[in-house]
C-alpha atoms as a PDB file:
ATOM      1  CA  MET A   1     -46.291  17.780 -54.404  1.00  0.00           C
ATOM      2  CA  SER A   2     -45.586  18.839 -57.926  1.00  0.00           C
ATOM      3  CA  ARG A   3     -46.337  22.313 -59.209  1.00  0.00           C
ATOM      4  CA  ARG A   4     -46.242  24.221 -62.475  1.00  0.00           C
ATOM      5  CA  LEU A   5     -43.574  26.822 -62.856  1.00  0.00           C
ATOM      6  CA  ASN A   6     -44.272  30.381 -64.009  1.00  0.00           C
ATOM      7  CA  ALA A   7     -41.919  32.917 -65.437  1.00  0.00           C
ATOM      8  CA  GLN A   8     -40.957  34.268 -61.989  1.00  0.00           C
ATOM      9  CA  ASP A   9     -40.214  30.749 -60.849  1.00  0.00           C
ATOM     10  CA  ILE A  10     -37.877  30.253 -63.812  1.00  0.00           C
ATOM     11  CA  ASP A  11     -36.048  33.539 -62.945  1.00  0.00           C
ATOM     12  CA  ASP A  12     -35.839  32.518 -59.272  1.00  0.00           C
ATOM     13  CA  LEU A  13     -34.441  29.023 -60.185  1.00  0.00           C
ATOM     14  CA  ALA A  14     -31.767  30.602 -62.319  1.00  0.00           C
ATOM     15  CA  VAL A  15     -30.670  32.957 -59.535  1.00  0.00           C
ATOM     16  CA  GLY A  16     -30.680  30.121 -57.013  1.00  0.00           C
ATOM     17  CA  ALA A  17     -28.717  27.844 -59.289  1.00  0.00           C
ATOM     18  CA  TRP A  18     -26.121  30.574 -59.724  1.00  0.00           C
ATOM     19  CA  ILE A  19     -25.826  31.186 -55.924  1.00  0.00           C
ATOM     20  CA  LEU A  20     -25.624  27.470 -55.164  1.00  0.00           C
ATOM     21  CA  GLY A  21     -23.130  26.896 -57.910  1.00  0.00           C
ATOM     22  CA  THR A  22     -24.987  24.007 -59.540  1.00  0.00           C
ATOM     23  CA  GLY A  23     -23.824  22.977 -62.975  1.00  0.00           C
ATOM     24  CA  GLY A  24     -20.163  23.091 -61.998  1.00  0.00           C
ATOM     25  CA  GLY A  25     -20.274  26.593 -60.694  1.00  0.00           C
ATOM     26  CA  GLY A  26     -20.717  28.248 -64.115  1.00  0.00           C
ATOM     27  CA  SER A  27     -23.261  30.822 -64.951  1.00  0.00           C
ATOM     28  CA  PRO A  28     -26.807  29.466 -65.595  1.00  0.00           C
ATOM     29  CA  TYR A  29     -27.595  32.519 -67.697  1.00  0.00           C
ATOM     30  CA  LEU A  30     -27.637  30.770 -71.081  1.00  0.00           C
ATOM     31  CA  ASN A  31     -29.797  27.946 -69.819  1.00  0.00           C
ATOM     32  CA  HIS A  32     -32.041  30.568 -68.284  1.00  0.00           C
ATOM     33  CA  LEU A  33     -32.423  32.176 -71.762  1.00  0.00           C
ATOM     34  CA  ASN A  34     -33.336  28.770 -73.238  1.00  0.00           C
ATOM     35  CA  MET A  35     -35.915  28.160 -70.501  1.00  0.00           C
ATOM     36  CA  GLN A  36     -37.437  31.585 -71.178  1.00  0.00           C
ATOM     37  CA  ARG A  37     -37.461  30.879 -74.954  1.00  0.00           C
ATOM     38  CA  ILE A  38     -39.106  27.507 -74.492  1.00  0.00           C
ATOM     39  CA  ALA A  39     -41.684  28.966 -72.042  1.00  0.00           C
ATOM     40  CA  SER A  40     -42.568  31.666 -74.595  1.00  0.00           C
ATOM     41  CA  THR A  41     -43.779  28.922 -76.950  1.00  0.00           C
ATOM     42  CA  GLY A  42     -46.363  27.883 -74.402  1.00  0.00           C
ATOM     43  CA  THR A  43     -44.462  24.911 -73.026  1.00  0.00           C
ATOM     44  CA  GLU A  44     -45.152  24.371 -69.348  1.00  0.00           C
ATOM     45  CA  PHE A  45     -42.609  23.212 -66.782  1.00  0.00           C
ATOM     46  CA  GLU A  46     -43.491  21.090 -63.796  1.00  0.00           C
ATOM     47  CA  LEU A  47     -41.340  20.821 -60.689  1.00  0.00           C
ATOM     48  CA  ILE A  48     -41.714  17.320 -59.179  1.00  0.00           C
ATOM     49  CA  ASP A  49     -40.835  16.257 -55.668  1.00  0.00           C
ATOM     50  CA  PRO A  50     -38.449  13.243 -55.984  1.00  0.00           C
ATOM     51  CA  GLN A  51     -40.305  11.669 -53.094  1.00  0.00           C
ATOM     52  CA  GLU A  52     -43.336  11.278 -55.366  1.00  0.00           C
ATOM     53  CA  LEU A  53     -41.451   9.199 -57.889  1.00  0.00           C
ATOM     54  CA  ALA A  54     -41.955   5.492 -57.862  1.00  0.00           C
ATOM     55  CA  ASP A  55     -38.889   3.439 -56.949  1.00  0.00           C
ATOM     56  CA  GLU A  56     -38.801   2.014 -60.440  1.00  0.00           C
ATOM     57  CA  ALA A  57     -39.260   5.369 -62.184  1.00  0.00           C
ATOM     58  CA  GLN A  58     -36.885   6.156 -64.999  1.00  0.00           C
ATOM     59  CA  VAL A  59     -35.233   9.564 -64.711  1.00  0.00           C
ATOM     60  CA  ALA A  60     -32.989  11.173 -67.294  1.00  0.00           C
ATOM     61  CA  VAL A  61     -30.378  13.675 -66.225  1.00  0.00           C
ATOM     62  CA  VAL A  62     -29.110  15.827 -69.077  1.00  0.00           C
ATOM     63  CA  SER A  63     -25.872  17.882 -68.927  1.00  0.00           C
ATOM     64  CA  THR A  64     -23.295  19.328 -71.183  1.00  0.00           C
ATOM     65  CA  MET A  65     -19.521  19.422 -71.089  1.00  0.00           C
ATOM     66  CA  GLY A  66     -16.753  21.280 -72.799  1.00  0.00           C
ATOM     67  CA  ALA A  67     -15.963  24.938 -73.289  1.00  0.00           C
ATOM     68  CA  PRO A  68     -18.948  27.140 -72.552  1.00  0.00           C
ATOM     69  CA  LEU A  69     -17.701  29.736 -74.932  1.00  0.00           C
ATOM     70  CA  VAL A  70     -19.360  28.080 -77.916  1.00  0.00           C
ATOM     71  CA  MET A  71     -22.772  28.433 -76.241  1.00  0.00           C
ATOM     72  CA  GLN A  72     -22.160  32.146 -75.884  1.00  0.00           C
ATOM     73  CA  GLU A  73     -21.996  32.377 -79.670  1.00  0.00           C
ATOM     74  CA  ARG A  74     -25.128  30.362 -80.214  1.00  0.00           C
ATOM     75  CA  LEU A  75     -27.754  29.042 -77.804  1.00  0.00           C
ATOM     76  CA  GLN A  76     -27.880  25.298 -77.564  1.00  0.00           C
ATOM     77  CA  ASP A  77     -30.590  23.663 -79.700  1.00  0.00           C
ATOM     78  CA  THR A  78     -32.916  22.165 -77.152  1.00  0.00           C
ATOM     79  CA  SER A  79     -34.297  19.733 -79.751  1.00  0.00           C
ATOM     80  CA  ASP A  80     -30.811  18.052 -79.672  1.00  0.00           C
ATOM     81  CA  VAL A  81     -31.197  17.496 -75.937  1.00  0.00           C
ATOM     82  CA  ALA A  82     -34.752  16.122 -76.403  1.00  0.00           C
ATOM     83  CA  ARG A  83     -33.542  13.838 -79.119  1.00  0.00           C
ATOM     84  CA  ALA A  84     -30.790  12.421 -76.894  1.00  0.00           C
ATOM     85  CA  VAL A  85     -33.392  11.563 -74.247  1.00  0.00           C
ATOM     86  CA  GLU A  86     -35.622   9.969 -76.898  1.00  0.00           C
ATOM     87  CA  VAL A  87     -32.738   7.861 -78.236  1.00  0.00           C
ATOM     88  CA  MET A  88     -31.912   6.622 -74.763  1.00  0.00           C
ATOM     89  CA  ALA A  89     -35.569   5.799 -74.119  1.00  0.00           C
ATOM     90  CA  ASP A  90     -35.695   3.770 -77.313  1.00  0.00           C
ATOM     91  CA  HIS A  91     -32.447   2.061 -76.386  1.00  0.00           C
ATOM     92  CA  ILE A  92     -33.608   0.926 -72.918  1.00  0.00           C
ATOM     93  CA  GLY A  93     -37.155   0.272 -74.059  1.00  0.00           C
ATOM     94  CA  SER A  94     -38.730   2.612 -71.516  1.00  0.00           C
ATOM     95  CA  LYS A  95     -39.959   6.226 -71.412  1.00  0.00           C
ATOM     96  CA  PHE A  96     -38.709   8.822 -68.994  1.00  0.00           C
END
């Protein structure tokens, strides 16, 4: 079952990701700040159970690589990430 995430859920996910070492074991702090910033604009996040996805569903996984020091100087522009997903969707002719 899917559910909308609130501010506390976002905080809890960041702590859980840090404990579990997802994202290569680095700190999820900067991504957490980005999530908070996006949420402050009124954007809602929905957590989806993978079991609810159709077998033919298209799913995009977005990640970054390289030295994280650059992101400490400036938060990543989330519109760049969204644009990458849009370009891929156009390329394969299907939405995510």
